[in-house]
Protein backbone atom coordinates (compact mmCIF):
# COMPACT_ATOMS: atom_id res chain seq x y z
CA UNK A 1 -61.76 -91.36 -162.09
CA UNK A 2 -62.09 -88.31 -159.82
CA UNK A 3 -65.33 -86.80 -158.54
CA UNK A 4 -65.16 -83.96 -161.05
CA UNK A 5 -64.72 -86.31 -164.00
CA UNK A 6 -67.55 -88.51 -162.76
CA UNK A 7 -69.95 -85.58 -162.48
CA UNK A 8 -68.98 -84.28 -165.92
CA UNK A 9 -69.56 -87.74 -167.40
CA UNK A 10 -72.97 -87.85 -165.71
CA UNK A 11 -73.91 -84.43 -167.09
CA UNK A 12 -73.02 -85.51 -170.63
CA UNK A 13 -74.41 -89.04 -170.40
CA UNK A 14 -74.72 -90.58 -173.86
CA UNK A 15 -74.77 -87.23 -175.67
CA UNK A 16 -72.16 -86.97 -178.43
CA UNK A 17 -68.80 -85.65 -177.25
CA UNK A 18 -67.22 -82.50 -178.62
CA UNK A 19 -63.77 -81.68 -177.30
CA UNK A 20 -62.45 -78.19 -176.64
CA UNK A 21 -60.66 -76.45 -179.50
CA UNK A 22 -59.28 -72.95 -180.04
CA UNK A 23 -62.65 -71.72 -181.28
CA UNK A 24 -64.53 -72.91 -178.17
CA UNK A 25 -61.84 -71.65 -175.77
CA UNK A 26 -61.90 -68.22 -177.45
CA UNK A 27 -65.72 -68.14 -177.25
CA UNK A 28 -65.69 -69.16 -173.58
CA UNK A 29 -63.07 -66.51 -172.80
CA UNK A 30 -65.18 -63.88 -174.57
CA UNK A 31 -68.03 -64.49 -172.09
CA UNK A 32 -66.33 -65.63 -168.86
CA UNK A 33 -69.48 -65.08 -166.79
CA UNK A 34 -71.45 -67.84 -168.53
CA UNK A 35 -71.43 -70.81 -166.16
CA UNK A 36 -73.64 -72.79 -168.55
CA UNK A 37 -71.09 -72.75 -171.34
CA UNK A 38 -68.25 -73.38 -168.90
CA UNK A 39 -69.89 -76.53 -167.53
CA UNK A 40 -70.97 -77.89 -170.91
CA UNK A 41 -67.59 -77.29 -172.54
CA UNK A 42 -65.83 -78.93 -169.59
CA UNK A 43 -68.17 -81.93 -169.92
CA UNK A 44 -67.60 -82.08 -173.68
CA UNK A 45 -71.32 -81.80 -174.47
CA UNK A 46 -72.16 -81.42 -178.17
CA UNK A 47 -74.35 -78.36 -177.75
CA UNK A 48 -75.82 -78.59 -181.26
CA UNK A 49 -77.41 -81.95 -180.37
CA UNK A 50 -78.65 -80.57 -177.05
CA UNK A 51 -80.10 -77.49 -178.78
CA UNK A 52 -82.09 -79.75 -181.11
CA UNK A 53 -83.48 -81.68 -178.13
CA UNK A 54 -84.51 -78.37 -176.56
CA UNK A 55 -86.46 -77.44 -179.69
CA UNK A 56 -84.05 -74.62 -180.58
CA UNK A 57 -81.90 -76.10 -183.39
CA UNK A 58 -79.26 -73.76 -184.70
CA UNK A 59 -77.33 -73.91 -187.95
CA UNK A 60 -73.89 -73.22 -186.55
CA UNK A 61 -70.37 -73.81 -187.78
CA UNK A 62 -68.85 -74.35 -191.18
CA UNK A 63 -70.69 -76.04 -194.00
CA UNK A 64 -69.40 -79.45 -195.14
CA UNK A 65 -68.29 -77.80 -198.40
CA UNK A 66 -66.22 -75.22 -196.51
CA UNK A 67 -64.63 -77.92 -194.35
CA UNK A 68 -63.64 -79.99 -197.38
CA UNK A 69 -62.30 -76.89 -199.13
CA UNK A 70 -60.31 -75.94 -196.03
CA UNK A 71 -58.74 -79.39 -195.73
CA UNK A 72 -57.83 -79.39 -199.42
CA UNK A 73 -56.24 -75.95 -199.16
CA UNK A 74 -54.25 -76.95 -196.06
CA UNK A 75 -52.98 -80.09 -197.81
CA UNK A 76 -51.91 -77.95 -200.76
CA UNK A 77 -49.95 -75.58 -198.51
CA UNK A 78 -48.16 -78.46 -196.77
CA UNK A 79 -47.48 -80.72 -199.76
CA UNK A 80 -43.95 -81.92 -200.57
CA UNK A 81 -42.86 -81.78 -196.95
CA UNK A 82 -43.94 -78.18 -196.46
CA UNK A 83 -41.92 -76.79 -199.38
CA UNK A 84 -44.62 -74.27 -200.24
CA UNK A 85 -45.01 -73.26 -196.60
CA UNK A 86 -41.26 -72.60 -196.36
CA UNK A 87 -41.51 -70.23 -199.33
CA UNK A 88 -44.36 -68.37 -197.65
CA UNK A 89 -42.37 -68.08 -194.42
CA UNK A 90 -39.49 -66.65 -196.44
CA UNK A 91 -41.81 -64.04 -197.95
CA UNK A 92 -43.35 -62.77 -194.70
CA UNK A 93 -40.55 -63.24 -192.15
CA UNK A 94 -37.65 -62.10 -194.28
CA UNK A 95 -35.59 -65.22 -193.63
CA UNK A 96 -33.21 -66.20 -196.44
CA UNK A 97 -34.73 -68.85 -198.68
CA UNK A 98 -31.66 -71.08 -198.38
CA UNK A 99 -32.04 -71.10 -194.60
CA UNK A 100 -35.68 -72.14 -194.79
CA UNK A 101 -34.92 -74.94 -197.21
CA UNK A 102 -33.27 -76.95 -194.46
CA UNK A 103 -34.76 -78.40 -191.30
CA UNK A 104 -37.03 -81.14 -190.05
CA UNK A 105 -40.66 -81.51 -191.09
CA UNK A 106 -42.35 -83.47 -188.31
CA UNK A 107 -45.91 -84.76 -188.73
CA UNK A 108 -47.46 -84.89 -185.28
CA UNK A 109 -51.12 -85.11 -186.26
CA UNK A 110 -51.40 -88.80 -185.50
CA UNK A 111 -52.74 -89.74 -188.95
CA UNK A 112 -51.63 -93.13 -190.21
CA UNK A 113 -50.26 -93.56 -193.71
CA UNK A 114 -52.59 -95.01 -196.34
CA UNK A 115 -50.68 -98.31 -196.44
CA UNK A 116 -50.66 -98.81 -192.65
CA UNK A 117 -52.23 -102.02 -191.30
CA UNK A 118 -55.79 -101.51 -190.09
CA UNK A 119 -54.98 -102.85 -186.63
CA UNK A 120 -52.29 -100.21 -186.05
CA UNK A 121 -53.07 -98.14 -182.99
CA UNK A 122 -53.60 -94.43 -183.40
CA UNK A 123 -51.76 -92.39 -180.77
CA UNK A 124 -53.87 -91.01 -177.94
CA UNK A 125 -53.91 -87.38 -176.88
CA UNK A 126 -51.35 -87.70 -174.09
CA UNK A 127 -49.04 -89.63 -176.43
CA UNK A 128 -49.36 -86.89 -179.04
CA UNK A 129 -48.67 -84.24 -176.38
CA UNK A 130 -45.55 -86.19 -175.43
CA UNK A 131 -44.42 -86.33 -179.07
CA UNK A 132 -44.97 -82.59 -179.41
CA UNK A 133 -42.95 -81.84 -176.28
CA UNK A 134 -40.15 -84.10 -177.47
CA UNK A 135 -40.06 -82.44 -180.88
CA UNK A 136 -40.05 -78.99 -179.30
CA UNK A 137 -37.27 -79.87 -176.87
CA UNK A 138 -35.20 -81.44 -179.65
CA UNK A 139 -35.70 -78.43 -181.89
CA UNK A 140 -34.95 -75.78 -179.27
CA UNK A 141 -31.87 -77.58 -177.96
CA UNK A 142 -30.46 -77.93 -181.47
CA UNK A 143 -31.63 -74.52 -182.72
CA UNK A 144 -29.08 -72.79 -184.88
CA UNK A 145 -29.10 -70.17 -187.63
CA UNK A 146 -29.99 -71.47 -191.05
CA UNK A 147 -32.39 -74.21 -189.89
CA UNK A 148 -36.19 -74.08 -189.95
CA UNK A 149 -38.11 -76.92 -188.33
CA UNK A 150 -41.82 -77.22 -189.11
CA UNK A 151 -44.08 -79.16 -186.76
CA UNK A 152 -47.28 -80.30 -188.50
CA UNK A 153 -50.39 -80.41 -186.25
CA UNK A 154 -48.71 -80.42 -182.82
CA UNK A 155 -51.01 -81.02 -179.85
CA UNK A 156 -50.81 -78.50 -177.01
CA UNK A 157 -52.55 -78.77 -173.63
CA UNK A 158 -54.03 -75.67 -171.98
CA UNK A 159 -55.51 -75.32 -168.50
CA UNK A 160 -58.99 -73.81 -168.82
CA UNK A 161 -61.02 -73.28 -165.63
CA UNK A 162 -59.31 -76.19 -163.92
CA UNK A 163 -59.83 -78.58 -166.83
CA UNK A 164 -57.38 -79.57 -169.53
CA UNK A 165 -58.10 -78.63 -173.14
CA UNK A 166 -56.13 -80.04 -176.05
CA UNK A 167 -55.46 -77.66 -178.94
CA UNK A 168 -54.12 -78.45 -182.39
CA UNK A 169 -52.61 -75.59 -184.43
CA UNK A 170 -52.29 -76.15 -188.17
CA UNK A 171 -48.52 -75.87 -187.94
CA UNK A 172 -45.67 -74.41 -185.96
CA UNK A 173 -42.45 -73.08 -187.43
CA UNK A 174 -39.24 -73.03 -185.40
CA UNK A 175 -36.99 -70.44 -186.99
CA UNK A 176 -33.64 -68.77 -186.48
CA UNK A 177 -32.39 -68.74 -182.89
CA UNK A 178 -35.20 -71.05 -181.85
CA UNK A 179 -37.99 -68.53 -182.37
CA UNK A 180 -41.41 -70.19 -182.57
CA UNK A 181 -44.24 -68.98 -184.81
CA UNK A 182 -47.76 -70.36 -184.91
CA UNK A 183 -49.02 -70.88 -188.48
CA UNK A 184 -52.77 -70.54 -189.09
CA UNK A 185 -54.10 -71.83 -192.42
CA UNK A 186 -57.56 -70.48 -193.26
CA UNK A 187 -59.71 -71.02 -196.35
CA UNK A 188 -61.23 -67.52 -196.47
CA UNK A 189 -59.80 -65.40 -199.27
CA UNK A 190 -57.58 -62.33 -199.14
CA UNK A 191 -58.83 -60.11 -201.97
CA UNK A 192 -56.69 -57.16 -203.09
CA UNK A 193 -54.72 -57.46 -199.88
CA UNK A 194 -57.78 -57.34 -197.58
CA UNK A 195 -59.75 -60.04 -195.77
CA UNK A 196 -63.16 -60.08 -194.15
CA UNK A 197 -62.71 -58.17 -190.82
CA UNK A 198 -64.93 -60.56 -188.88
CA UNK A 199 -63.09 -63.66 -190.08
CA UNK A 200 -59.74 -61.96 -189.50
CA UNK A 201 -60.69 -61.05 -185.94
CA UNK A 202 -61.87 -64.62 -185.29
CA UNK A 203 -58.58 -66.01 -186.63
CA UNK A 204 -56.64 -63.63 -184.37
CA UNK A 205 -58.58 -64.75 -181.28
CA UNK A 206 -58.02 -68.41 -182.08
CA UNK A 207 -54.32 -67.80 -182.75
CA UNK A 208 -54.04 -66.09 -179.35
CA UNK A 209 -55.34 -69.27 -177.71
CA UNK A 210 -52.70 -71.31 -179.55
CA UNK A 211 -49.92 -68.92 -178.53
CA UNK A 212 -51.09 -69.06 -174.91
CA UNK A 213 -51.06 -72.88 -174.97
CA UNK A 214 -47.63 -72.98 -176.62
CA UNK A 215 -46.21 -70.58 -174.05
CA UNK A 216 -47.55 -72.80 -171.26
CA UNK A 217 -45.82 -75.83 -172.82
CA UNK A 218 -42.61 -73.89 -173.38
CA UNK A 219 -42.58 -72.76 -169.75
CA UNK A 220 -42.99 -76.37 -168.62
CA UNK A 221 -39.94 -77.23 -170.74
CA UNK A 222 -37.92 -74.54 -168.96
CA UNK A 223 -37.73 -71.93 -171.71
CA UNK A 224 -38.79 -68.26 -171.45
CA UNK A 225 -42.23 -67.33 -172.78
CA UNK A 226 -40.87 -64.82 -175.28
CA UNK A 227 -39.40 -67.70 -177.28
CA UNK A 228 -42.94 -67.87 -178.72
CA UNK A 229 -43.55 -64.97 -181.07
CA UNK A 230 -46.77 -62.96 -181.03
CA UNK A 231 -46.41 -62.60 -184.81
CA UNK A 232 -48.63 -65.34 -186.21
CA UNK A 233 -48.27 -66.39 -189.84
CA UNK A 234 -51.70 -66.38 -191.48
CA UNK A 235 -51.99 -68.31 -194.76
CA UNK A 236 -55.06 -67.80 -196.97
CA UNK A 237 -56.05 -68.17 -200.63
CA UNK A 238 -55.16 -65.13 -202.73
CA UNK A 239 -57.97 -63.31 -204.55
CA UNK A 240 -60.28 -65.77 -206.31
CA UNK A 241 -57.76 -68.59 -206.70
CA UNK A 242 -56.33 -71.32 -204.51
CA UNK A 243 -52.86 -69.79 -204.65
CA UNK A 244 -51.73 -69.35 -201.03
CA UNK A 245 -50.52 -66.04 -199.69
CA UNK A 246 -49.20 -65.26 -196.23
CA UNK A 247 -49.29 -62.28 -193.89
CA UNK A 248 -48.19 -61.48 -190.36
CA UNK A 249 -50.93 -61.21 -187.76
CA UNK A 250 -49.88 -59.32 -184.63
CA UNK A 251 -51.96 -60.82 -181.83
CA UNK A 252 -50.45 -59.04 -178.81
CA UNK A 253 -53.74 -57.35 -177.93
CA UNK A 254 -55.79 -60.54 -178.38
CA UNK A 255 -53.24 -62.50 -176.33
CA UNK A 256 -53.45 -60.08 -173.40
CA UNK A 257 -57.26 -60.09 -173.46
CA UNK A 258 -57.48 -63.89 -173.75
CA UNK A 259 -55.00 -64.46 -170.92
CA UNK A 260 -56.90 -62.09 -168.64
CA UNK A 261 -60.30 -63.58 -169.46
CA UNK A 262 -59.19 -67.19 -169.01
CA UNK A 263 -57.74 -66.25 -165.63
CA UNK A 264 -61.19 -64.90 -164.66
CA UNK A 265 -63.03 -68.11 -165.52
CA UNK A 266 -64.60 -69.85 -162.56
CA UNK A 267 -63.10 -73.26 -161.88
CA UNK A 268 -65.14 -76.22 -163.04
CA UNK A 269 -65.12 -77.70 -159.52
CA UNK A 270 -66.67 -74.51 -158.14
CA UNK A 271 -69.38 -74.48 -160.81
CA UNK A 272 -70.24 -78.13 -160.21
CA UNK A 273 -70.51 -77.54 -156.46
CA UNK A 274 -73.49 -75.25 -157.10
CA UNK A 275 -75.41 -77.86 -159.11
CA UNK A 276 -77.71 -80.53 -157.64
CA UNK A 277 -76.30 -84.03 -157.34
CA UNK A 278 -77.41 -86.38 -160.08
CA UNK A 279 -78.06 -83.62 -162.62
CA UNK A 280 -77.79 -84.78 -166.24
CA UNK A 281 -78.59 -83.26 -169.63
CA UNK A 282 -79.06 -86.71 -171.16
CA UNK A 283 -82.75 -87.22 -170.46
CA UNK A 284 -84.84 -89.83 -172.32
CA UNK A 285 -86.65 -88.62 -175.42
CA UNK A 286 -90.05 -89.33 -173.87
CA UNK A 287 -89.27 -86.71 -171.21
CA UNK A 288 -89.62 -84.05 -173.92
CA UNK A 289 -88.02 -80.61 -174.41
CA UNK A 290 -89.52 -79.09 -171.21
CA UNK A 291 -87.67 -81.58 -168.99
CA UNK A 292 -84.41 -81.01 -170.86
CA UNK A 293 -84.94 -77.25 -170.57
CA UNK A 294 -85.44 -77.53 -166.80
CA UNK A 295 -82.15 -79.41 -166.52
CA UNK A 296 -80.29 -76.85 -168.63
CA UNK A 297 -81.79 -73.91 -166.71
CA UNK A 298 -80.27 -75.35 -163.54
CA UNK A 299 -76.95 -73.97 -164.78
CA UNK A 300 -77.07 -70.14 -164.97
CA UNK A 301 -76.28 -68.50 -168.30
CA UNK A 302 -75.07 -65.02 -169.28
CA UNK A 303 -76.60 -64.45 -172.71
CA UNK A 304 -75.17 -61.72 -174.95
CA UNK A 305 -75.98 -60.96 -178.61
CA UNK A 306 -72.45 -62.08 -179.54
CA UNK A 307 -73.45 -65.60 -178.45
CA UNK A 308 -75.42 -65.93 -181.70
CA UNK A 309 -72.15 -66.27 -183.60
CA UNK A 310 -70.26 -68.39 -181.07
CA UNK A 311 -72.63 -70.79 -179.27
CA UNK A 312 -75.05 -73.47 -180.44
CA UNK A 313 -77.39 -72.81 -177.49
CA UNK A 314 -77.77 -69.11 -178.29
CA UNK A 315 -81.41 -69.31 -179.49
CA UNK A 316 -82.50 -71.12 -176.33
CA UNK A 317 -80.58 -68.78 -174.02
CA UNK A 318 -81.91 -65.72 -175.85
CA UNK A 319 -85.51 -66.88 -175.45
CA UNK A 320 -84.83 -67.60 -171.79
CA UNK A 321 -83.23 -64.18 -171.21
CA UNK A 322 -86.07 -62.35 -172.96
CA UNK A 323 -88.66 -64.14 -170.79
CA UNK A 324 -86.92 -63.38 -167.48
CA UNK A 325 -88.18 -60.53 -165.29
CA UNK A 326 -88.21 -59.60 -161.63
CA UNK A 327 -91.81 -58.51 -161.23
CA UNK A 328 -91.40 -55.19 -163.03
CA UNK A 329 -93.12 -56.26 -166.23
CA UNK A 330 -91.85 -57.95 -169.34
CA UNK A 331 -88.65 -56.89 -171.01
CA UNK A 332 -86.11 -59.54 -170.23
CA UNK A 333 -82.53 -59.31 -169.07
CA UNK A 334 -80.40 -56.28 -169.93
CA UNK A 335 -77.77 -58.57 -171.45
CA UNK A 336 -80.04 -59.14 -174.45
CA UNK A 337 -79.36 -55.51 -175.44
CA UNK A 338 -75.58 -55.95 -175.56
CA UNK A 339 -72.56 -55.38 -173.35
CA UNK A 340 -72.47 -51.61 -173.92
CA UNK A 341 -76.00 -51.04 -172.58
CA UNK A 342 -75.47 -53.55 -169.79
CA UNK A 343 -72.39 -51.59 -168.74
CA UNK A 344 -74.23 -48.25 -168.95
CA UNK A 345 -77.00 -49.52 -166.66
CA UNK A 346 -74.50 -50.23 -163.92
CA UNK A 347 -75.62 -53.57 -162.53
CA UNK A 348 -79.35 -53.32 -163.24
CA UNK A 349 -80.09 -56.70 -164.82
CA UNK A 350 -83.81 -56.38 -165.62
CA UNK A 351 -85.13 -54.23 -168.51
CA UNK A 352 -88.53 -53.85 -166.82
CA UNK A 353 -86.92 -52.56 -163.65
CA UNK A 354 -84.77 -50.10 -165.62
CA UNK A 355 -87.97 -48.74 -167.22
CA UNK A 356 -89.67 -48.47 -163.84
CA UNK A 357 -86.68 -46.55 -162.48
CA UNK A 358 -86.90 -44.23 -165.46
CA UNK A 359 -90.62 -43.65 -164.83
CA UNK A 360 -90.09 -43.21 -161.09
CA UNK A 361 -92.34 -46.19 -160.35
CA UNK A 362 -89.83 -47.83 -158.01
CA UNK A 363 -87.15 -46.43 -155.72
CA UNK A 364 -83.49 -47.11 -156.50
CA UNK A 365 -81.61 -49.56 -154.34
CA UNK A 366 -78.48 -48.54 -152.52
CA UNK A 367 -75.79 -47.67 -155.04
CA UNK A 368 -78.31 -47.17 -157.86
CA UNK A 369 -79.08 -43.51 -157.14
CA UNK A 370 -76.86 -42.15 -159.92
CA UNK A 371 -78.06 -44.48 -162.68
CA UNK A 372 -81.67 -43.90 -161.58
CA UNK A 373 -81.15 -40.14 -161.89
CA UNK A 374 -79.72 -40.58 -165.40
CA UNK A 375 -82.59 -42.83 -166.44
CA UNK A 376 -85.18 -40.33 -165.18
CA UNK A 377 -83.39 -37.54 -167.01
CA UNK A 378 -83.32 -39.59 -170.22
CA UNK A 379 -87.04 -40.33 -169.89
CA UNK A 380 -87.79 -36.64 -169.30
CA UNK A 381 -85.83 -35.67 -172.42
CA UNK A 382 -87.68 -38.33 -174.42
CA UNK A 383 -91.04 -36.97 -173.34
CA UNK A 384 -89.94 -33.40 -174.04
CA UNK A 385 -88.84 -34.28 -177.58
CA UNK A 386 -92.05 -36.16 -178.30
CA UNK A 387 -94.18 -33.31 -176.93
CA UNK A 388 -92.31 -30.76 -179.02
CA UNK A 389 -92.83 -32.78 -182.18
CA UNK A 390 -96.57 -32.94 -181.62
CA UNK A 391 -96.53 -36.73 -181.63
CA UNK A 392 -98.48 -38.82 -179.22
CA UNK A 393 -96.22 -40.31 -176.62
CA UNK A 394 -96.08 -44.03 -177.34
CA UNK A 395 -96.22 -46.53 -174.58
CA UNK A 396 -92.90 -48.19 -173.91
CA UNK A 397 -93.03 -51.74 -175.21
CA UNK A 398 -92.31 -54.08 -172.35
């Protein structure tokens, strides 16, 4: 085991393991400056367990009911060897139904049949990756018009910050002329032709991660990247029933953003080099939340309000960011106010310092002259408006 793997194992200790998936990769890519999430995801730390030990438990993720409903809906879509899925592909991709009726249906999920002996070995991740690559190579080499191969739960590796993540799309359809389409099966409903925008955006970001991983695998097999379509087939329940309906999700924008953000991620080796030797998040219970918090704070974070919907440690990181200041009074880090305000303040990280610049209580550093002028102008306008309204000028809450 290499040095990096050893250090990641030490960081995690006996904490439950949670492997990377498309949701975590998309969340990490959305905030590439957060070293804390990068290290913990690379180590496979179950952040929900760690958040509870810190005293900041967070109800995050799908409810058990939603998970069961999602699995049942996916099984319904794929029953009878994917017959229903082939009909949906015919509807949204315009491929003749007779063409879609033929082709292999390969189950690559690694699940054993119900009548399998209990001592049968389940395939490991690398074995499943090998099976996926073999199925892809076989399909692309034999691709011909009139044949549609469906790969059920392939496993695709993706390089993320120098570590290897393993991603499992719901399905992959290999269509005419060897064109590959990712199929995403979601349990949220499409009502009157519309879906929840937030859930739709989340599905698009996850699908972009799958497409990126598939393109990496395809390139390793010697095929051009454009073999993988950026038109993702999204399957959801229709209206208030369990009847599946499909639509095309164009993820070109999400793919470009995800590719750029993943490329910006700091390598895990570089992040680990900044941490003290022997650091672990798996401290004994008698050490208490303060000791765990000290260990976690060793890894710098980049909290943003969006973290509340994507990270189990968001409550802890928010409290930490709000308590931080650089001697200019309370206020916290600018990131707690969102990316737009952080961008407007041009590199000023402390809310208290931004307020002091606005009041003229501290001189701007080199390169901050313009933003300091704008802040002073904004403060002058605020005072002018309050004076004109006859209201007492309230003290700025710090």
